[in-house]
Structure formats: structure tokens, C-alpha cells
């Protein structure tokens, strides 16, 4: 059991910064708290991981944006299709 500076039980979180991508740490469970408690849960990552993970995250975000755009196009095409069938 790990306690933060304000006396609450710390929770495990994941860092997504470029310096420590995917690294787990203990942090204050209260969002926006001024506690600023941080304790690393796992060891430091190798340099290769630090180089690869941010690129993978960017790729995932691009694919999510592309998927959303394709869903919108599909919905519009179905609306157009129904419109053409109804007013034929």
C-alpha cells in the first residue's frame, strides 16, 4: 500500500509523455490535486521503446481519425441512398 503526500492511497497510472511513454507510476488519486506525489511503479524503459512508442501512438491516433471520417462518409452515403429510394 502506497500513500501519497495528502494521505490517500495512491493509484497506479500510465505516463504518456515522450520522455516516459507507457511507464507506470504511483500518483495521487484525486484529479487536479496539488499533492504532486509521483513514485515510479516500474523500471525505466530502454531507449528503443522511448523511440518507438510515441510513433505508434501517433499512428493509432491517425487511424482513429480516419475511422471516424470513414464512418461519417458511410452514414452520408446511406442517407443519400435512402433519399434516392424514397424520392425516386
N, C-alpha and C. Protein backbone atom coordinates (compact mmCIF):
# COMPACT_ATOMS: atom_id res chain seq x y z
N UNK A 1 0.84 -1.17 0.00
CA UNK A 1 0.00 0.00 0.00
C UNK A 1 0.89 1.24 0.00
N UNK A 2 0.64 2.12 -0.95
CA UNK A 2 1.43 3.34 -1.08
C UNK A 2 0.51 4.53 -0.82
N UNK A 3 0.95 5.41 0.07
CA UNK A 3 0.17 6.61 0.38
C UNK A 3 0.82 7.82 -0.27
N UNK A 4 -0.01 8.71 -0.80
CA UNK A 4 0.52 9.95 -1.37
C UNK A 4 0.73 10.97 -0.26
N UNK A 5 1.19 12.15 -0.62
CA UNK A 5 1.50 13.17 0.37
C UNK A 5 0.27 13.65 1.15
N UNK A 6 -0.92 13.55 0.54
CA UNK A 6 -2.12 14.01 1.23
C UNK A 6 -2.80 12.90 2.03
N UNK A 7 -2.17 11.72 2.11
CA UNK A 7 -2.66 10.63 2.95
C UNK A 7 -3.60 9.66 2.29
N UNK A 8 -3.93 9.86 1.03
CA UNK A 8 -4.79 8.94 0.30
C UNK A 8 -3.97 7.79 -0.28
N UNK A 9 -4.66 6.68 -0.54
CA UNK A 9 -3.97 5.55 -1.15
C UNK A 9 -3.68 5.89 -2.62
N UNK A 10 -2.42 5.87 -3.00
CA UNK A 10 -2.02 6.24 -4.36
C UNK A 10 -2.51 5.20 -5.36
N UNK A 11 -2.80 5.66 -6.57
CA UNK A 11 -3.25 4.75 -7.63
C UNK A 11 -2.17 4.65 -8.71
N UNK A 12 -2.18 3.53 -9.41
CA UNK A 12 -1.22 3.32 -10.49
C UNK A 12 -1.75 3.98 -11.75
N UNK A 13 -0.94 4.77 -12.39
CA UNK A 13 -1.31 5.47 -13.61
C UNK A 13 -0.27 5.18 -14.68
N UNK A 14 -0.55 5.61 -15.89
CA UNK A 14 0.38 5.40 -17.00
C UNK A 14 0.78 6.74 -17.58
N UNK A 15 2.08 6.93 -17.74
CA UNK A 15 2.61 8.15 -18.33
C UNK A 15 2.60 8.02 -19.84
N UNK A 16 2.15 9.07 -20.53
CA UNK A 16 2.18 9.08 -21.99
C UNK A 16 3.01 10.24 -22.52
N UNK A 17 3.96 10.71 -21.71
CA UNK A 17 4.86 11.76 -22.17
C UNK A 17 5.90 11.15 -23.11
N UNK A 18 6.54 11.97 -23.92
CA UNK A 18 7.58 11.46 -24.83
C UNK A 18 8.79 10.94 -24.06
N UNK A 19 9.03 11.47 -22.88
CA UNK A 19 10.18 11.03 -22.10
C UNK A 19 9.95 9.67 -21.42
N UNK A 20 8.71 9.40 -21.01
CA UNK A 20 8.38 8.15 -20.31
C UNK A 20 7.10 7.52 -20.87
N UNK A 21 7.06 7.19 -22.16
CA UNK A 21 5.81 6.65 -22.72
C UNK A 21 5.50 5.25 -22.21
N UNK A 22 4.28 5.07 -21.74
CA UNK A 22 3.84 3.75 -21.30
C UNK A 22 4.37 3.32 -19.95
N UNK A 23 5.06 4.19 -19.27
CA UNK A 23 5.65 3.83 -17.98
C UNK A 23 4.63 4.03 -16.86
N UNK A 24 4.56 3.07 -15.94
CA UNK A 24 3.59 3.13 -14.85
C UNK A 24 4.18 3.82 -13.63
N UNK A 25 3.33 4.57 -12.95
CA UNK A 25 3.78 5.27 -11.75
C UNK A 25 2.65 5.37 -10.74
N UNK A 26 3.02 5.56 -9.47
CA UNK A 26 2.06 5.81 -8.41
C UNK A 26 1.77 7.31 -8.42
N UNK A 27 0.50 7.68 -8.28
CA UNK A 27 0.12 9.09 -8.25
C UNK A 27 -1.06 9.31 -7.33
N UNK A 28 -1.28 10.54 -6.95
CA UNK A 28 -2.42 10.90 -6.10
C UNK A 28 -3.71 10.55 -6.85
N UNK A 29 -4.67 9.91 -6.16
CA UNK A 29 -5.91 9.51 -6.83
C UNK A 29 -6.87 10.66 -7.11
N UNK A 30 -6.61 11.82 -6.52
CA UNK A 30 -7.52 12.96 -6.67
C UNK A 30 -7.08 13.79 -7.87
N UNK A 31 -7.95 13.85 -8.90
CA UNK A 31 -7.65 14.63 -10.10
C UNK A 31 -7.52 16.11 -9.75
N UNK A 32 -6.51 16.77 -10.27
CA UNK A 32 -6.32 18.19 -10.04
C UNK A 32 -5.78 18.54 -8.67
N UNK A 33 -5.35 17.54 -7.92
CA UNK A 33 -4.83 17.76 -6.58
C UNK A 33 -3.48 18.48 -6.65
N UNK A 34 -3.16 19.23 -5.62
CA UNK A 34 -1.87 19.91 -5.54
C UNK A 34 -0.83 19.02 -4.87
N UNK A 35 -1.17 17.77 -4.64
CA UNK A 35 -0.31 16.82 -3.93
C UNK A 35 1.01 16.59 -4.65
N UNK A 36 0.98 16.36 -5.94
CA UNK A 36 2.15 16.15 -6.79
C UNK A 36 3.00 14.93 -6.40
N UNK A 37 2.39 13.93 -5.76
CA UNK A 37 3.13 12.72 -5.42
C UNK A 37 3.32 11.87 -6.67
N UNK A 38 4.55 11.46 -6.92
CA UNK A 38 4.86 10.54 -8.02
C UNK A 38 5.92 9.57 -7.53
N UNK A 39 5.67 8.30 -7.72
CA UNK A 39 6.64 7.25 -7.43
C UNK A 39 6.58 6.24 -8.55
N UNK A 40 7.70 5.93 -9.15
CA UNK A 40 7.70 5.01 -10.30
C UNK A 40 7.34 3.61 -9.85
N UNK A 41 6.44 2.99 -10.57
CA UNK A 41 5.96 1.63 -10.30
C UNK A 41 6.87 0.60 -10.98
N UNK A 42 7.36 0.94 -12.14
CA UNK A 42 8.23 0.02 -12.88
C UNK A 42 9.56 0.71 -13.19
N UNK A 43 10.48 -0.06 -13.70
CA UNK A 43 11.81 0.47 -14.02
C UNK A 43 11.80 1.34 -15.27
N UNK A 44 12.90 2.02 -15.52
CA UNK A 44 12.98 2.87 -16.70
C UNK A 44 12.92 2.05 -17.99
N UNK A 45 12.42 2.67 -19.03
CA UNK A 45 12.29 2.00 -20.32
C UNK A 45 13.59 2.14 -21.11
N UNK A 46 13.81 1.19 -22.01
CA UNK A 46 15.00 1.27 -22.86
C UNK A 46 14.81 2.37 -23.91
N UNK A 47 15.90 2.82 -24.48
CA UNK A 47 15.86 3.91 -25.46
C UNK A 47 15.04 3.53 -26.69
N UNK A 48 15.10 2.28 -27.08
CA UNK A 48 14.35 1.82 -28.25
C UNK A 48 12.84 1.99 -28.03
N UNK A 49 12.37 1.64 -26.84
CA UNK A 49 10.96 1.80 -26.51
C UNK A 49 10.56 3.26 -26.52
N UNK A 50 11.42 4.12 -26.00
CA UNK A 50 11.13 5.55 -25.97
C UNK A 50 11.03 6.12 -27.38
N UNK A 51 11.74 5.51 -28.32
CA UNK A 51 11.71 5.98 -29.70
C UNK A 51 10.50 5.43 -30.45
N UNK A 52 10.10 4.21 -30.16
CA UNK A 52 9.05 3.55 -30.92
C UNK A 52 7.64 3.91 -30.45
N UNK A 53 7.41 3.94 -29.15
CA UNK A 53 6.05 4.11 -28.61
C UNK A 53 5.39 5.42 -29.05
N UNK A 54 6.05 6.59 -29.01
CA UNK A 54 5.36 7.80 -29.48
C UNK A 54 4.91 7.71 -30.94
N UNK A 55 5.71 7.08 -31.79
CA UNK A 55 5.32 6.90 -33.19
C UNK A 55 4.11 6.00 -33.32
N UNK A 56 4.06 4.94 -32.52
CA UNK A 56 2.90 4.05 -32.54
C UNK A 56 1.64 4.77 -32.06
N UNK A 57 1.78 5.60 -31.04
CA UNK A 57 0.64 6.37 -30.55
C UNK A 57 0.12 7.34 -31.60
N UNK A 58 1.04 7.99 -32.33
CA UNK A 58 0.63 8.89 -33.41
C UNK A 58 -0.12 8.12 -34.50
N UNK A 59 0.38 6.93 -34.83
CA UNK A 59 -0.28 6.11 -35.85
C UNK A 59 -1.67 5.70 -35.41
N UNK A 60 -1.82 5.31 -34.15
CA UNK A 60 -3.13 4.93 -33.62
C UNK A 60 -4.09 6.11 -33.70
N UNK A 61 -3.64 7.30 -33.32
CA UNK A 61 -4.50 8.49 -33.37
C UNK A 61 -4.91 8.83 -34.80
N UNK A 62 -3.99 8.68 -35.77
CA UNK A 62 -4.33 8.92 -37.17
C UNK A 62 -5.38 7.93 -37.66
N UNK A 63 -5.22 6.65 -37.27
CA UNK A 63 -6.17 5.63 -37.69
C UNK A 63 -7.55 5.86 -37.07
N UNK A 64 -7.58 6.31 -35.82
CA UNK A 64 -8.87 6.62 -35.19
C UNK A 64 -9.56 7.76 -35.92
N UNK A 65 -8.80 8.79 -36.29
CA UNK A 65 -9.38 9.92 -37.02
C UNK A 65 -9.88 9.47 -38.38
N UNK A 66 -9.12 8.62 -39.05
CA UNK A 66 -9.52 8.12 -40.36
C UNK A 66 -10.78 7.26 -40.24
N UNK A 67 -10.87 6.44 -39.21
CA UNK A 67 -12.04 5.60 -39.00
C UNK A 67 -13.28 6.45 -38.77
N UNK A 68 -13.14 7.50 -37.97
CA UNK A 68 -14.26 8.40 -37.73
C UNK A 68 -14.72 9.05 -39.02
N UNK A 69 -13.77 9.49 -39.83
CA UNK A 69 -14.10 10.13 -41.11
C UNK A 69 -14.82 9.13 -42.03
N UNK A 70 -14.36 7.89 -42.07
CA UNK A 70 -14.99 6.88 -42.91
C UNK A 70 -16.40 6.56 -42.42
N UNK A 71 -16.61 6.55 -41.12
CA UNK A 71 -17.95 6.31 -40.59
C UNK A 71 -18.91 7.43 -41.01
N UNK A 72 -18.42 8.65 -41.01
CA UNK A 72 -19.24 9.79 -41.43
C UNK A 72 -19.59 9.66 -42.92
N UNK A 73 -18.61 9.30 -43.75
CA UNK A 73 -18.87 9.10 -45.18
C UNK A 73 -19.88 7.98 -45.40
N UNK A 74 -19.75 6.91 -44.65
CA UNK A 74 -20.69 5.79 -44.79
C UNK A 74 -22.10 6.22 -44.41
N UNK A 75 -22.22 6.94 -43.31
CA UNK A 75 -23.54 7.43 -42.89
C UNK A 75 -24.15 8.35 -43.95
N UNK A 76 -23.35 9.26 -44.48
CA UNK A 76 -23.85 10.17 -45.52
C UNK A 76 -24.28 9.41 -46.77
N UNK A 77 -23.51 8.38 -47.13
CA UNK A 77 -23.88 7.61 -48.32
C UNK A 77 -25.19 6.87 -48.10
N UNK A 78 -25.43 6.35 -46.90
CA UNK A 78 -26.70 5.67 -46.60
C UNK A 78 -27.86 6.65 -46.61
N UNK A 79 -27.64 7.83 -46.07
CA UNK A 79 -28.70 8.85 -46.10
C UNK A 79 -29.03 9.21 -47.54
N UNK A 80 -28.01 9.39 -48.37
CA UNK A 80 -28.23 9.70 -49.79
C UNK A 80 -28.97 8.54 -50.48
N UNK A 81 -28.57 7.30 -50.18
CA UNK A 81 -29.19 6.12 -50.77
C UNK A 81 -30.67 6.07 -50.42
N UNK A 82 -31.01 6.29 -49.15
CA UNK A 82 -32.40 6.27 -48.71
C UNK A 82 -33.16 7.42 -49.37
N UNK A 83 -32.56 8.56 -49.45
CA UNK A 83 -33.18 9.72 -50.10
C UNK A 83 -33.52 9.42 -51.56
N UNK A 84 -32.60 8.79 -52.27
CA UNK A 84 -32.82 8.44 -53.67
C UNK A 84 -33.95 7.40 -53.79
N UNK A 85 -34.00 6.42 -52.90
CA UNK A 85 -35.05 5.41 -52.95
C UNK A 85 -36.43 6.01 -52.65
N UNK A 86 -36.50 6.90 -51.70
CA UNK A 86 -37.78 7.48 -51.30
C UNK A 86 -38.31 8.42 -52.36
N UNK A 87 -37.45 9.25 -52.96
CA UNK A 87 -37.90 10.26 -53.92
C UNK A 87 -37.67 9.86 -55.37
N UNK A 88 -37.62 8.57 -55.64
CA UNK A 88 -37.41 8.06 -56.98
C UNK A 88 -38.59 8.24 -57.87
